[in-house]
């Protein structure tokens, strides 16, 4: 069983602290995605798990064994990099089996593993080709095949799809998801693309500046972000924010209003709140509902018709921009005034420190 345990994991370069005490439990067979902006430490954390970066502090266990000082080849992990790193003079067959040949795996066993990996990745017809004869998606499959033949307990993916175009990224996401289902192995995947995270992950780890901001399922993070950072990072379009103040407190609800929002009542825990407390109200683009007279009113500045939905950008009285997701047949034009009501059951209120208030 190849679960992972990260206990207060730290990484520094001189006086620069890159990973700041990460605590995380990953169960055997989980598909876990590390997301965050560039420079947040997600690739560094992955490389620490792989053994490609030394661990400054804390403890890393794989399958119950502490591996802080264990060599990468002995950790039971295989890594797929952003760069395919294929040998151009070798065929696909030889590229996939190169590591096995270096380990002096018997020829018959090596052949069986190569062909099984090719079958899993549906690339049997590519085995005699060289990398120059392959598309980007096919090259990435070869790189994944090279990892599969090692039969690792943990697969590590470092932004493997970033070099592919949009349609190939979608196809490869489906292939990686199917690979996870077929192999049942533990997989850890790094990306800056939160769409990849939402579609692939059993569990998402959101990082910012070397600190874990929240861990949870994609829908947990989408509907119940822990703070403003997670709320603004997860979801496409991103969550909208408007500044409000508490105007009334009742049992289990607060009334809030602000320069861009008429008074609405939101179900939320009221402990610690006072009349006049400044809050931030967050609402998803698809949780803003058109109305004849709404709590939010703005002027349409951009309309994007996508067929199944219409994305509308609008400007509020304060100048703040808001994005709205409406039905594909909704008719609106630039310059129109649009009235909206937030779905109060789905809005999130954040305190002055940026932390989400519990319901």
Foldseek 3Di string as FASTA:
>chain_A
DWKKWWAQWWDDDVPRTQAGGDTDTGDWLFEEEEAEDPSLCPVVVLCQLLQNGQTPDTFMDTPNHTCNPPHNVPNLEDEQEQDLPFDQVDFLLCRLLVVVVVVVPDPVLSNVLLVVLCVLLVNPVRRGDGPVPDDLLVSSSSSVSSRVSSVGLEYEYEANCPVDDDVSSVVVLVSVQVVSVVSSHHYYYYDNDLVSVLVRGQKYFYGGSNYTQDIHHLVCLQQPPFFPVSQQRHDVVGKDKDKWFFAADDVQWTWIADPFFDTDIARFDCPPHDGGFIKMKIADQAQKAFDPAARGKFFWADWDQPQQWIWTWTAGPVRDIDIHIGGNPDDDDGGDMTHIYGPRHRMWMAGPVGGTTGD
